[in-house]
Every structure is written in C-alpha cells, then in structure tokens.
Protein backbone atom coordinates (compact mmCIF):
# COMPACT_ATOMS: atom_id res chain seq x y z
CA MET A 1 17.96 22.29 89.72
CA SER A 2 19.99 25.43 87.99
CA TYR A 3 20.96 26.21 91.97
CA THR A 4 20.18 29.96 90.57
CA PHE A 5 18.77 32.63 92.11
CA PRO A 6 17.43 35.84 89.62
CA PHE A 7 16.23 38.88 91.18
CA ARG A 8 14.89 42.25 89.86
CA ILE A 9 15.59 45.89 91.30
CA GLU A 10 13.36 48.42 89.46
CA ASP A 11 13.51 51.95 89.20
CA TRP A 12 17.20 51.55 88.87
CA ASP A 13 19.64 54.51 89.07
CA ASP A 14 21.84 54.09 86.07
CA THR A 15 23.52 57.40 86.26
CA ARG A 16 26.09 56.66 89.12
CA ASP A 17 28.79 53.33 89.70
CA THR A 18 27.10 51.49 92.23
CA PRO A 19 29.26 49.24 94.35
CA TYR A 20 27.55 46.12 95.21
CA ARG A 21 28.29 42.93 97.71
CA ILE A 22 26.82 39.43 97.57
CA VAL A 23 27.49 37.62 100.99
CA TYR A 24 27.13 33.82 100.97
CA ASP A 25 27.65 31.36 103.86
CA LEU A 26 29.38 28.36 102.42
CA LYS A 27 29.05 25.34 104.86
CA THR A 28 32.44 23.81 105.54
CA SER A 29 31.37 21.45 107.11
CA THR A 30 27.88 19.85 108.88
CA THR A 31 28.07 21.94 111.41
CA GLY A 32 29.94 24.59 110.36
CA SER A 33 30.04 27.40 107.76
CA GLU A 34 32.35 30.33 106.54
CA ARG A 35 31.03 33.80 105.11
CA THR A 36 32.27 34.55 101.92
CA PHE A 37 32.26 37.59 99.93
CA PHE A 38 31.77 38.73 96.31
CA GLU A 39 32.19 42.48 95.70
CA GLY A 40 32.37 44.92 92.42
CA THR A 41 30.83 47.75 90.47
CA ILE A 42 27.58 48.05 88.84
CA ARG A 43 28.95 50.93 86.50
CA LYS A 44 26.93 53.76 85.28
CA ASN A 45 25.13 53.39 82.22
CA PRO A 46 28.22 55.11 79.38
CA THR A 47 25.37 57.09 77.53
CA GLU A 48 27.93 60.04 77.51
CA LYS A 49 30.91 57.86 75.93
CA GLU A 50 32.19 59.36 72.68
CA GLU A 51 33.73 55.29 72.20
CA PHE A 52 31.65 52.10 73.29
CA VAL A 53 34.07 49.44 73.23
CA ILE A 54 32.51 46.05 73.25
CA SER A 55 34.78 42.87 74.03
CA ALA A 56 33.28 39.63 72.53
CA PHE A 57 34.44 35.99 73.14
CA THR A 58 34.10 32.09 72.41
CA GLY A 59 34.81 28.52 73.06
CA HIS A 60 35.84 28.30 76.28
CA LYS A 61 38.00 25.48 75.71
CA ILE A 62 40.47 24.27 78.56
CA PHE A 63 42.32 20.83 78.24
CA THR A 64 44.38 19.60 74.77
CA GLY A 65 44.35 15.85 76.08
CA GLY A 66 47.32 14.12 77.25
CA LEU A 67 46.65 15.62 80.81
CA LYS A 68 49.79 17.78 82.08
CA TRP A 69 49.17 20.02 85.12
CA ASN A 70 51.20 23.07 83.30
CA HIS A 71 49.98 25.47 80.84
CA HIS A 72 50.44 23.16 78.06
CA GLY A 73 48.15 20.57 79.25
CA VAL A 74 45.61 22.89 80.78
CA TRP A 75 44.90 26.26 79.54
CA PHE A 76 42.63 27.20 82.48
CA PRO A 77 42.31 30.08 84.12
CA HIS A 78 43.11 31.86 81.20
CA ASN A 79 44.90 34.78 82.96
CA ASP A 80 46.46 36.10 79.69
CA ILE A 81 43.65 36.84 78.28
CA LEU A 82 41.93 38.40 81.20
CA ASP A 83 44.89 40.78 81.60
CA ALA A 84 44.79 41.81 77.82
CA VAL A 85 41.17 42.31 77.87
CA GLN A 86 41.30 44.33 80.99
CA HIS A 87 43.86 46.94 78.95
CA HIS A 88 40.70 47.81 76.52
CA ASP A 89 38.62 48.18 79.59
CA PRO A 90 35.36 47.41 77.59
CA ASP A 91 31.86 48.87 78.24
CA PHE A 92 30.49 45.17 77.62
CA LEU A 93 30.82 41.64 77.21
CA PHE A 94 29.42 39.54 74.78
CA PHE A 95 29.76 35.52 75.16
CA SER A 96 28.72 33.74 71.56
CA GLY A 97 28.42 29.92 73.62
CA ASP A 98 30.40 26.65 73.98
CA GLN A 99 31.16 28.68 76.90
CA ILE A 100 31.66 24.92 78.31
CA TYR A 101 32.28 21.74 76.76
CA GLU A 102 31.15 18.65 77.47
CA GLY A 103 34.10 16.30 77.73
CA ASP A 104 36.32 18.77 78.98
CA MET A 105 38.29 17.95 81.49
CA THR A 106 36.10 14.70 82.91
CA PRO A 107 33.68 12.91 80.25
CA ALA A 108 30.52 14.39 79.67
CA VAL A 109 27.95 13.18 81.90
CA TYR A 110 24.34 12.59 80.03
CA GLU A 111 22.38 10.68 82.90
CA PRO A 112 20.57 10.47 85.32
CA LEU A 113 19.70 14.02 85.03
CA ASN A 114 20.40 15.22 88.60
CA LYS A 115 24.18 13.67 87.78
CA ALA A 116 24.38 15.48 84.21
CA MET A 117 23.46 18.80 86.17
CA LEU A 118 25.82 18.88 88.31
CA ASP A 119 28.52 17.94 85.73
CA TYR A 120 27.36 20.92 83.93
CA LEU A 121 27.50 22.95 86.85
CA TYR A 122 30.89 21.86 87.77
CA LYS A 123 32.06 22.95 84.23
CA TRP A 124 29.79 26.20 84.19
CA TYR A 125 31.69 26.86 87.47
CA ARG A 126 35.11 27.00 85.90
CA TRP A 127 33.86 29.59 83.41
CA CYS A 128 32.30 31.72 86.26
CA TRP A 129 35.79 31.34 87.81
CA ALA A 130 37.93 32.03 84.51
CA PHE A 131 35.62 35.17 83.45
CA LYS A 132 34.65 36.76 86.89
CA ASP A 133 37.27 39.49 87.43
CA LEU A 134 35.75 40.88 83.52
CA THR A 135 32.41 40.26 84.90
CA ARG A 136 32.03 41.98 88.14
CA ASN A 137 32.00 45.24 86.64
CA ARG A 138 30.25 44.90 83.06
CA PRO A 139 27.51 44.25 81.67
CA THR A 140 27.49 40.39 79.88
CA VAL A 141 25.60 38.90 77.31
CA THR A 142 25.86 35.13 77.04
CA ILE A 143 24.56 32.91 75.31
CA PRO A 144 24.56 28.97 74.83
CA ASP A 145 25.78 27.31 72.13
CA ASP A 146 25.29 23.22 71.38
CA HIS A 147 28.37 22.07 73.53
CA ASP A 148 26.68 24.06 76.56
CA VAL A 149 23.46 21.98 75.92
CA TYR A 150 25.69 18.32 75.26
CA HIS A 151 25.66 18.79 71.59
CA GLY A 152 28.41 18.43 69.01
CA ASN A 153 25.83 20.11 66.51
CA ILE A 154 22.68 21.01 67.49
CA TRP A 155 19.34 21.69 65.01
CA GLY A 156 16.82 22.82 67.57
CA ALA A 157 14.01 22.49 65.05
CA GLY A 158 11.66 24.50 67.54
CA GLY A 159 12.65 22.74 70.80
CA LYS A 160 12.15 18.81 69.70
CA ALA A 161 13.40 15.70 71.42
CA THR A 162 15.82 14.44 69.11
CA SER A 163 15.53 10.49 68.84
CA ALA A 164 16.21 8.38 71.56
CA THR A 165 18.33 5.67 70.50
CA GLY A 166 20.92 5.50 68.53
CA SER A 167 24.92 7.00 67.99
CA ASN A 168 25.36 11.10 69.21
CA ASN A 169 25.28 11.44 65.46
CA ASP A 170 21.92 9.56 65.15
CA ARG A 171 20.21 11.94 67.55
CA GLN A 172 21.87 15.20 66.41
CA ASN A 173 20.87 14.35 62.60
CA SER A 174 17.12 13.85 63.76
CA GLY A 175 17.13 17.48 64.93
CA GLY A 176 16.07 18.90 68.14
CA TYR A 177 17.54 18.92 71.64
CA ARG A 178 18.99 15.37 73.48
CA MET A 179 19.25 16.30 77.04
CA PRO A 180 15.71 16.97 78.95
CA ALA A 181 13.84 19.65 78.64
CA SER A 182 14.37 20.30 82.04
CA PHE A 183 18.11 20.04 81.81
CA VAL A 184 18.06 23.09 78.74
CA ASN A 185 16.05 25.42 80.79
CA SER A 186 18.60 24.86 83.99
CA VAL A 187 21.54 25.68 81.32
CA HIS A 188 19.16 29.21 79.91
CA ARG A 189 18.80 29.73 84.06
CA THR A 190 22.77 29.63 84.47
CA GLN A 191 23.31 31.61 81.24
CA VAL A 192 20.22 34.00 79.96
CA SER A 193 18.35 34.32 82.78
CA HIS A 194 19.65 37.30 83.68
CA LEU A 195 18.97 39.38 80.55
CA PRO A 196 16.06 41.92 80.07
CA PRO A 197 12.74 40.62 79.32
CA ARG A 198 12.00 38.26 76.50
CA ALA A 199 10.77 39.52 73.17
CA ASP A 200 8.63 36.31 72.95
CA LYS A 201 8.07 34.65 76.42
CA ALA A 202 5.92 31.82 75.09
CA SER A 203 8.07 28.71 75.11
CA ILE A 204 8.71 26.23 72.35
CA LEU A 205 8.35 22.57 72.22
CA GLN A 206 8.31 20.58 75.28
CA GLY A 207 8.07 23.86 77.14
CA ILE A 208 12.08 25.01 76.55
CA SER A 209 12.11 28.48 77.28
CA THR A 210 12.94 31.38 74.61
CA TYR A 211 15.21 34.23 75.14
CA HIS A 212 15.65 36.26 71.96
CA GLY A 213 15.31 40.13 73.05
CA ARG A 214 16.60 43.41 73.03
CA VAL A 215 19.47 45.12 75.17
CA GLU A 216 19.59 48.98 75.63
CA TYR A 217 22.42 50.30 76.69
CA GLY A 218 24.86 53.46 76.21
CA GLY A 219 23.44 53.94 73.13
CA VAL A 220 23.54 50.90 71.72
CA SER A 221 20.62 48.67 70.84
CA PHE A 222 21.27 45.08 71.00
CA ALA A 223 19.36 42.25 69.41
CA VAL A 224 19.90 38.87 71.20
CA ILE A 225 19.34 36.16 68.68
CA ALA A 226 19.23 32.25 69.07
CA ASP A 227 20.37 30.88 65.55
CA ARG A 228 20.42 27.23 66.54
CA MET A 229 17.01 26.97 68.54
CA PHE A 230 14.47 27.06 65.73
CA LYS A 231 17.00 25.88 62.56
CA SER A 232 16.07 22.59 60.82
CA SER A 233 17.87 19.39 60.54
CA PRO A 234 19.62 18.93 57.11
CA THR A 235 19.48 15.44 57.49
CA LEU A 236 15.81 15.95 57.55
CA ALA A 237 15.35 18.53 54.73
CA LEU A 238 17.37 17.07 52.60
CA PRO A 239 17.20 13.41 52.41
CA GLU A 240 18.54 12.93 49.12
CA ALA A 241 21.81 14.52 50.11
CA GLN A 242 22.41 11.73 53.10
CA PHE A 243 23.79 14.56 55.36
CA ASP A 244 25.66 13.17 58.53
CA ASN A 245 26.58 15.46 61.38
CA GLY A 246 25.96 18.33 59.10
CA TRP A 247 27.48 16.72 55.77
CA ALA A 248 26.26 15.49 52.93
CA GLN A 249 27.41 12.05 51.53
CA ASN A 250 25.93 12.08 48.01
CA PRO A 251 28.60 13.22 45.74
CA THR A 252 26.30 13.81 43.35
CA PHE A 253 24.82 16.53 45.91
CA ASN A 254 25.64 20.11 44.84
CA PRO A 255 24.56 22.18 48.08
CA ALA A 256 24.97 25.12 46.13
CA THR A 257 22.19 24.61 43.86
CA GLN A 258 20.30 22.48 45.89
CA GLY A 259 20.42 22.86 49.02
CA ASP A 260 17.98 25.83 49.62
CA VAL A 261 14.92 23.84 50.30
CA THR A 262 11.40 24.74 50.78
CA GLY A 263 10.08 24.45 54.51
CA ALA A 264 14.00 24.49 55.61
CA THR A 265 14.30 26.80 58.55
CA LEU A 266 17.03 28.99 60.65
CA LEU A 267 15.66 31.84 62.89
CA GLY A 268 11.98 30.88 62.64
CA LYS A 269 9.20 32.78 62.00
CA ARG A 270 8.82 34.07 65.60
CA GLN A 271 12.55 36.12 65.73
CA LEU A 272 12.15 37.18 62.11
CA ASP A 273 9.29 38.81 63.50
CA PHE A 274 11.44 40.39 66.22
CA LEU A 275 14.49 41.09 63.57
CA ASN A 276 12.35 43.39 61.38
CA TYR A 277 10.67 45.15 64.23
CA TRP A 278 13.88 45.72 65.91
CA ALA A 279 15.96 47.32 63.23
CA THR A 280 13.16 49.76 62.60
CA ASP A 281 12.92 50.35 66.06
CA TRP A 282 15.40 53.47 67.01
CA SER A 283 13.70 54.25 70.65
CA ASP A 284 15.96 54.76 73.80
CA GLN A 285 18.29 57.24 72.34
CA ALA A 286 19.54 54.59 70.08
CA TRP A 287 22.38 55.59 67.69
CA MET A 288 23.74 52.21 67.10
CA LYS A 289 22.22 48.69 66.08
CA VAL A 290 24.34 45.42 66.95
CA VAL A 291 23.17 41.43 66.47
CA LEU A 292 24.62 39.14 68.71
CA SER A 293 24.05 35.67 67.83
CA GLN A 294 26.06 32.06 68.26
CA THR A 295 27.62 32.08 64.73
CA LEU A 296 27.96 33.99 61.20
CA PHE A 297 25.17 33.70 58.56
CA ALA A 298 27.72 32.41 56.29
CA ASN A 299 30.33 29.26 55.98
CA VAL A 300 33.58 30.93 56.12
CA ALA A 301 35.72 27.58 56.23
CA THR A 302 37.77 25.43 53.13
CA LEU A 303 39.12 21.67 53.29
CA PRO A 304 41.40 19.99 50.85
CA GLY A 305 39.84 18.73 47.74
CA GLY A 306 37.88 15.58 48.33
CA ALA A 307 37.15 15.67 52.02
CA ASN A 308 33.52 15.14 53.13
CA SER A 309 33.53 16.01 56.59
CA ASP A 310 35.51 17.68 59.15
CA ALA A 311 36.89 15.33 60.60
CA ILE A 312 39.88 15.64 59.21
CA VAL A 313 40.16 19.44 60.75
CA PRO A 314 42.56 18.37 63.86
CA SER A 315 44.94 16.30 61.69
CA LEU A 316 45.67 19.18 59.22
CA ARG A 317 48.97 20.72 59.66
CA TYR A 318 49.46 24.30 59.84
CA PHE A 319 51.47 26.27 57.13
CA GLY A 320 53.63 29.05 58.06
CA PRO A 321 53.08 32.74 57.57
CA ASP A 322 54.89 32.10 53.40
CA GLU A 323 52.73 28.80 52.72
CA TYR A 324 49.24 28.64 51.22
CA PRO A 325 47.74 24.78 50.55
CA GLU A 326 47.67 24.14 47.00
CA ASN A 327 43.61 22.45 46.80
CA ASP A 328 41.14 23.61 49.23
CA HIS A 329 38.23 24.57 48.36
CA PRO A 330 34.96 26.41 50.38
CA VAL A 331 32.91 23.55 51.88
CA ALA A 332 29.26 23.22 53.26
CA ASP A 333 28.83 22.44 56.91
CA GLY A 334 25.46 22.19 57.75
CA ASP A 335 26.34 23.43 61.39
CA SER A 336 27.02 26.93 59.42
CA ASN A 337 24.18 29.38 58.62
CA GLY A 338 25.45 29.28 55.03
CA TRP A 339 22.12 26.94 55.03
CA PRO A 340 19.33 27.41 54.95
CA GLN A 341 20.19 29.55 52.45
CA THR A 342 16.43 31.67 51.95
CA GLY A 343 16.72 31.59 55.78
CA ARG A 344 20.18 33.34 55.95
CA ASN A 345 19.17 36.15 53.34
CA LEU A 346 15.74 36.75 55.49
CA ALA A 347 18.00 37.60 58.39
CA LEU A 348 20.37 39.76 56.66
CA LYS A 349 17.53 41.61 54.85
CA ALA A 350 16.30 41.93 58.63
CA MET A 351 19.45 43.21 59.91
CA ARG A 352 20.24 45.46 57.35
CA LYS A 353 17.32 47.77 57.72
CA GLY A 354 18.47 49.17 60.91
CA PHE A 355 22.12 49.29 59.14
CA ALA A 356 23.01 46.21 61.95
CA PHE A 357 26.39 45.28 62.74
CA HIS A 358 26.52 41.53 63.28
CA ILE A 359 28.67 39.80 66.01
CA ALA A 360 28.72 36.09 66.63
CA GLY A 361 31.57 33.12 67.27
CA ASP A 362 31.54 29.42 67.39
CA GLN A 363 33.46 28.71 64.11
CA HIS A 364 37.15 28.92 65.61
CA LEU A 365 38.29 31.03 63.00
CA GLY A 366 38.57 35.01 63.10
CA SER A 367 36.90 36.95 60.21
CA THR A 368 35.94 40.08 59.12
CA ILE A 369 33.44 39.64 56.22
CA GLN A 370 30.53 41.84 54.83
CA TYR A 371 27.49 39.71 53.99
CA GLY A 372 25.74 39.79 49.96
CA VAL A 373 22.42 38.82 49.37
CA ASP A 374 21.74 39.77 46.07
CA GLN A 375 25.11 41.19 45.36
CA TRP A 376 28.71 41.46 47.03
CA GLY A 377 28.45 43.66 49.99
CA ASP A 378 24.77 44.72 49.37
CA ALA A 379 24.22 43.70 53.16
CA GLY A 380 26.37 44.10 56.74
CA TYR A 381 29.73 43.72 58.21
CA ALA A 382 30.55 40.70 61.08
CA LEU A 383 32.80 39.64 62.97
CA CYS A 384 33.22 36.23 64.12
CA VAL A 385 35.60 36.51 66.84
CA PRO A 386 38.08 33.97 67.21
CA SER A 387 37.84 30.96 70.33
CA VAL A 388 39.53 31.58 73.65
CA ALA A 389 41.07 27.89 73.24
CA ASN A 390 40.35 25.58 70.60
CA THR A 391 41.43 21.78 69.47
CA TRP A 392 39.20 22.25 66.14
CA PRO A 393 40.81 25.24 64.37
CA ARG A 394 39.08 25.82 60.56
CA ARG A 395 40.55 27.63 57.86
CA TRP A 396 39.74 29.51 54.96
CA TYR A 397 42.38 29.19 51.77
CA PRO A 398 40.33 28.94 48.90
CA LYS A 399 42.43 27.71 45.65
CA GLU A 400 41.08 30.35 43.82
CA PRO A 401 41.79 34.02 44.91
CA GLY A 402 39.11 36.39 45.76
CA LYS A 403 37.31 38.64 43.32
CA ASN A 404 37.92 42.72 44.08
CA VAL A 405 40.99 42.03 46.29
CA LYS A 406 42.81 44.94 47.75
CA PRO A 407 45.81 45.95 46.80
CA GLY A 408 48.73 44.15 48.53
CA ALA A 409 45.89 41.67 50.54
CA PRO A 410 45.77 37.91 50.68
CA LYS A 411 44.28 36.04 47.87
CA TYR A 412 42.09 34.58 50.47
CA THR A 413 40.32 37.73 51.04
CA GLY A 414 37.86 39.75 48.44
CA ASP A 415 34.58 38.40 46.89
CA PHE A 416 33.76 34.94 47.16
CA LEU A 417 30.73 32.16 46.83
CA ASP A 418 30.74 29.87 49.95
CA GLY A 419 30.51 26.39 49.44
CA TRP A 420 26.69 27.00 50.07
CA GLY A 421 26.30 29.78 46.85
CA ASN A 422 26.22 32.58 49.49
CA ARG A 423 28.08 35.91 48.49
CA VAL A 424 30.64 36.76 51.18
CA SER A 425 33.17 39.35 50.79
CA VAL A 426 36.31 38.15 52.75
CA GLU A 427 37.99 41.05 54.65
CA ALA A 428 40.22 39.56 56.96
CA VAL A 429 41.09 35.90 58.53
CA SER A 430 42.63 34.40 61.63
CA ASN A 431 44.17 31.18 59.72
CA PRO A 432 45.50 28.71 62.24
CA MET A 433 49.57 28.96 61.57
CA ILE A 434 52.83 28.25 63.23
CA SER A 435 53.58 30.39 65.14
CA GLY A 436 56.60 29.69 67.17
CA ARG A 437 54.65 30.30 70.49
CA LYS A 438 54.63 27.38 73.14
CA PRO A 439 52.73 25.65 73.97
CA ALA A 440 52.24 25.05 69.88
CA ASP A 441 48.55 23.10 70.63
CA LEU A 442 47.50 26.51 72.11
CA TYR A 443 48.98 29.02 70.04
CA ASP A 444 49.28 27.26 66.72
CA ARG A 445 45.12 27.03 66.31
CA ALA A 446 44.93 31.17 66.27
CA PRO A 447 43.36 31.58 69.99
CA GLY A 448 42.20 35.01 70.98
CA TYR A 449 39.03 37.41 71.10
CA GLY A 450 37.45 40.11 69.72
CA ILE A 451 37.16 44.17 70.28
CA ALA A 452 34.36 46.24 68.34
CA LYS A 453 34.82 50.05 68.78
CA PHE A 454 31.80 52.36 68.14
CA ASN A 455 31.89 55.97 67.78
CA LYS A 456 28.86 57.79 68.87
CA SER A 457 29.81 61.43 66.96
CA ASN A 458 31.26 60.26 63.28
CA ARG A 459 29.64 56.30 63.47
CA LYS A 460 32.53 54.65 62.94
CA ILE A 461 33.25 51.06 64.14
CA LYS A 462 36.26 49.35 64.45
CA ILE A 463 37.14 46.26 64.61
CA GLU A 464 40.19 44.38 66.20
CA CYS A 465 41.07 40.67 66.00
CA TRP A 466 44.02 39.73 69.04
CA PRO A 467 45.90 37.17 69.40
CA ARG A 468 45.97 35.42 72.76
CA TRP A 469 49.86 35.73 73.15
CA GLU A 470 49.77 39.41 72.31
CA ASP A 471 49.81 42.12 75.05
CA PRO A 472 47.66 44.79 74.10
CA SER A 473 49.38 47.47 76.06
CA GLN A 474 52.92 47.57 74.29
CA PRO A 475 53.41 49.83 71.51
CA ASP A 476 54.93 47.19 69.40
CA ALA A 477 51.37 45.03 70.01
CA LYS A 478 50.53 43.49 67.00
CA GLN A 479 46.68 42.26 66.23
CA TYR A 480 46.22 38.92 63.63
CA PRO A 481 46.92 39.78 60.08
CA GLY A 482 44.12 42.38 58.43
CA TRP A 483 43.09 43.78 61.49
CA PRO A 484 41.87 46.77 62.63
CA ILE A 485 39.54 47.10 59.81
CA GLU A 486 37.79 49.86 60.07
CA ILE A 487 33.77 50.98 58.31
CA THR A 488 30.91 53.09 58.95
CA GLN A 489 27.34 52.41 59.75
CA LYS A 490 26.37 53.23 56.59
CA ASP A 491 28.19 50.47 55.35
CA ASN A 492 25.90 48.18 56.89
CA TYR A 493 23.53 48.80 54.64
CA GLY A 494 25.61 49.01 51.15
CA ARG A 495 23.02 47.99 48.83
CA LYS A 496 23.66 50.53 46.08
CA ALA A 497 21.39 53.65 45.63
CA VAL A 498 18.99 53.37 42.61
CA ALA A 499 17.19 56.92 42.90
CA TRP A 500 17.62 59.41 46.13
CA LEU A 501 14.88 61.09 47.63
CA PRO A 502 15.03 64.92 48.63
CA THR A 503 17.60 66.22 50.52
CA LEU A 504 16.58 66.20 54.34
CA VAL A 505 17.46 69.55 56.65
CA VAL A 506 17.00 69.15 59.92
CA GLU A 507 16.15 72.47 62.57
CA GLY A 508 15.67 71.85 66.41
CA LEU A 509 16.58 68.41 66.63
CA ILE A 510 20.05 67.03 66.82
CA SER A 511 20.39 63.60 65.16
CA PRO A 512 17.09 62.55 64.40
CA ILE A 513 15.36 59.10 63.59
CA VAL A 514 14.43 58.90 59.85
CA GLN A 515 12.42 55.65 58.34
CA VAL A 516 12.35 55.55 55.10
CA TRP A 517 8.56 53.45 53.87
CA ASP A 518 7.46 52.04 50.34
CA THR A 519 3.95 53.85 49.91
CA LEU A 520 2.97 50.63 47.81
CA THR A 521 4.06 48.36 49.32
CA GLU A 522 4.02 49.83 52.85
CA GLU A 523 7.04 48.25 54.36
CA CYS A 524 10.10 50.29 56.10
CA ILE A 525 12.78 49.70 53.90
CA TYR A 526 15.24 51.31 56.87
CA ALA A 527 15.65 53.72 59.68
CA LEU A 528 18.57 54.80 61.34
CA ARG A 529 19.67 57.75 63.84
CA MET A 530 21.11 60.70 61.33
CA GLU A 531 24.46 61.26 61.85
CA GLY A 532 23.93 65.50 62.35
CA GLN A 533 20.92 67.93 60.70
CA VAL A 534 21.46 66.59 57.21
CA PHE A 535 20.54 63.75 55.40
CA ARG A 536 20.59 62.36 52.04
CA PRO A 537 17.98 59.44 52.04
CA LYS A 538 19.21 56.66 49.10
CA VAL A 539 16.20 53.88 47.87
CA PHE A 540 16.70 50.96 45.85
CA ALA A 541 13.76 51.92 43.07
CA THR A 542 12.02 54.69 41.66
CA GLY A 543 8.28 55.27 42.82
CA THR A 544 6.56 57.40 45.89
CA TYR A 545 7.67 57.25 49.27
CA THR A 546 6.82 58.55 52.95
CA VAL A 547 9.78 59.37 55.13
CA MET A 548 8.77 59.45 59.23
CA ILE A 549 11.43 61.66 60.76
CA GLY A 550 11.78 62.76 64.70
CA GLU A 551 12.07 60.40 67.79
CA PRO A 552 10.56 58.35 68.59
CA GLY A 553 8.07 58.45 71.57
CA THR A 554 7.17 62.01 71.63
CA THR A 555 5.33 64.92 69.80
CA ASN A 556 8.49 65.50 67.75
CA MET A 557 7.43 63.25 64.68
CA ARG A 558 6.41 64.48 61.46
CA THR A 559 5.59 62.18 58.26
CA LEU A 560 6.45 63.42 55.28
CA GLN A 561 4.21 61.50 52.53
CA GLY A 562 4.23 61.89 48.50
CA LEU A 563 8.56 62.15 48.24
CA VAL A 564 8.92 60.84 44.66
CA ALA A 565 12.13 59.02 43.95
CA ASP A 566 14.66 60.48 41.76
CA ARG A 567 17.83 59.54 39.85
CA ALA A 568 19.62 63.19 40.39
CA GLN A 569 17.64 63.85 43.22
CA SER A 570 18.78 67.42 43.98
CA SER A 571 16.14 68.95 45.57
CA LEU A 572 15.97 69.66 49.86
CA ARG A 573 13.79 69.53 52.22
CA ARG A 574 13.21 71.66 54.92
CA ILE A 575 12.19 70.41 58.62
CA ILE A 576 11.78 72.48 61.37
CA PHE A 577 10.87 70.93 64.89
CA GLU A 578 10.11 73.27 67.85
CA ARG A 579 13.15 73.39 70.11
CA SER A 580 12.65 71.11 73.74
CA ASP A 581 14.92 73.55 75.27
C-alpha cells in the first residue's frame, strides 16, 4: 500500500563515494512505457572531516489559501531554500516532521483507506519532488509528526485507536491514532523504513511499528526518538482541567502546579531505556551525540492574556523590529513537550548523560534554548528549527523580561519558567515580524531552516538559524537576530560540580571514552569522549566513584575503583595504555 521497496546492501564500503542509478519503467499508456532514471552519489562516511554539518527542517507547508498560481499563493517547490542549503553543503539532513499537511492544496481524504493512502502519497511525492536534489546525495533522517498521519495534534498513547466518533478534536482528545494502523505503518514505510535497525522491534498497540533507534555517521551518534508515539492525552490525564485539543478550558486550573500528574507518559519506558543506554555507549568511534525528535522538551510560546487556546494565532498581527506586545504570557500547550513535566525531566536527564545536543522542530518558531531540570542551565542545549513555510506562526514575547539577560540581548531572552513551570533559558528566537518582503504571507511568518556545525577537535557546536529569503553565499548575509550561537559539547551537561575526581592523564590512547559511575547507586552518571589526553571529571555529590576509561569494544579499557570525590581535588591519576600502533 505504501508503494515502497526497501532493500539492504551488506558489507558496504563507506570509505569512498559511490555513484548509483535507479531505473524505472514508467507506464505511459496501456501498452507503452518510458525508461526513467534517478541518479546520485552515496558519499563516503565523513569520519575524517574536521567539521560535521547538519541541516534541519520542519513544516513543509506549500499553500496559503486563496489559490493563486504564483509565488504569492503557492510556495512549492521551494527552490530558494534549496539553493541556500546547497551553499552550506551539509553532511547530513534532518526533517523533524510535517513533511506533508493533510489539507494542503487539496482537502484531506480520510476514507476509504485506499483513497486516503493515495491522497497521502500524492502529498508525500511533493516533498520528494521538492527536496530530491538535497537528499539524492546525503544521508537523510525523516520522522513523521502529527500532520503526516492526518492529525492536527496527536497524543499517540502507545498506539491505541482514537474514539471512532465525534469531531476531529474529540477524537484527538481521546488519545491514539485516528487513521487505521495499516495507514500509519504505510506512512512509516515511506518515511523511516530506510533507517538502521530499530532499538526495539516490538510493535505497539494495533501492530503499529516503532522506529526509535540510533544512527552512527561521521563520528556523530544520533538518537532518533518518536516523542508523540507514547504520549498521554492531557484530556484524559487531567480531566479536571477540561483540556480541548491540548488547551485547558478550566480557568482555575494551574498547569505549573497541577499539571504534573502521576501516570502521564511522554517518551515511555522503552524509549527512555534506549536513551539511557545510548547516552553512555560511545562505541563506533563516536565523538558527539545528538538527539533528533519532533519537538522541544519545553513550551516556548506566548499569547495575549486571556487566550485559552492557540486558535487566535493566525489572526495575531505581526510587529516591526522595534515593537513589542504589552500583555503576552507563557502558555501551557499540551501539544508541546513541556508536558508531562516528569516525563520531560526524565528525558533530559537521560540526554545530558551523553552531553547530547537536541535538534527538533514543529513549533514554527525557531529557537535556541538551554534546558533546566532542577536549576536553570543544568541540562543540554536545543535548536528548534523554523518551518520551511507555515500558516501558524507562534511567537515568544513574554511580558516580563528573563532573568540573567545578557548585556544588549532582547528582553525575551534569559531564564524563564515556561507555562508548565519548566526551567528554560532562551538564547534566541525567530519571532514572526514585518519583514518588508513579498510575499508577506510567507516571509513575515519567519520561515527558514537550521544549521548545526560540530567541530571534532575542539568539540564546539555552532548553531545557526537562517531566514528563507537570505542568500548565505553573500558576504553580507544575515541570520535571524541572535544567531549564530556557539557552545561547547560540555555545555550540554551544564549542571554545576559539587566535587571533583582526580584529574585523568592518559598515555597511549587518543581521546578515550570516560564513564563515571556512582559506586553506591551503581548508576552511570555520565559518559563522553575526552577532548585530548587530560580530563577532570566533575561529580554532583561527595562520595566514592568508579571510572571506566578506554575504547569500548576493545581490550583497551581500564576500571578505576574507589575514587573519592573532593571539593578541592588537585590530585592526578595517570593511565597508561599499550599503544596499538
């Protein structure tokens, strides 16, 4: 039903570029056909590159309504954004979801099943058409989000079916998938069947397939997560709040103090187990870790005071560069992964064990933030990329300025509590704004794409957020205000040290892996690949620790037991490995 043909080639030689060609005989009549070709290059694994570049996208909207067959009415096939991205020559592409919108250009077809699938494939082929010149030569991860499976919002609830009756909102509120499992699995086959073997092959309810797992490429270890698939519906988890389509309608409900309800699920146990294992496993010569998911683990959005849903978003006016709305407040949207709070914090604690950077989308609002769990800045950084194009331009204009705003930075940056009470430090956002460019319906909604550059030698991460209209090849090209931003790998576990273990000095191995274990709890506190030969491990409580150091999967591993944490640690521990060369 998905019209896909997955295949696998064993013993692939990834040390060289390999040209390929796909041949297809296209039927042109009942008796005739035309031989067609699609060609490209499977690039060699860029393990020796000093800088690994990712380009990330979300929200492939092509139509603004009021159909006009020109660039003002139809934004497809996005040649401007493709030309811009080609200039960056990324090593890797990520599409975070909403590769299609079910009602884009033509109304969504929900039934019968065979016609619904053809409707999806028609819209999916538009994505393939638009991005083929990028994807033909680069590894690409695509993951489906709500619109890809014909939802406005989705709370997957482990794969159950939604209620069979009621409005679209009623069915979504009940949790699960509204489309048949065979439809969902066909969407998965089109978008994720090319990924490496899944971490957990067991299907979920209704036999819906999973796809969370890891991708190892260029020395970067990616965790691919489905952050909607297991998520609870807030309508069912918080009945007293009277949630409708993710928004509490009970004015007495306080999401920051009452929203973190026992039993509500975000990633689910299977994905959390995977994340915790992946974060501490640095095999395959990995030197950087990145989580790829649909959206942020925070709710970076505001609305005017009194708004009890985001239905007003398309009607809100845009501001000029020197304007600021007077009465916007952080909101609590159940579609965001700021909820449920406990699930959000468990995900962040797992991710920071591996000093992982997070790339996501969905919100249509480009942002770079640092997560906080118990304190601001004690977890990792994230890039939420702007949409390719959208008609739902969220914004971040909190009335009160953030705490610890950097000199000269806008008041919407700094340390905040989002609408769910989560700690979030906002570095930059790409608010919708009067751009002075045409078509305004496209450009005023802050479309674009994200770039993340990872440096192998110094472990710095350069975060970029580019407007769709900008030509990055020009010397005066400008990113959205606030970018680029540069951080280090270690910033992704920003938790402050309470004590230190002895400084490790290594001989015989270059940049080995270090795992720090709590002797009492037998928990791996964190793991990362050393930058060079010297590393001073931080810990977050006094006590006794075990350190494992070396190269996983080889005999070059050492276990150092009984290391005592000291608040003023100044001792050295020398570890000598026998050189393999």
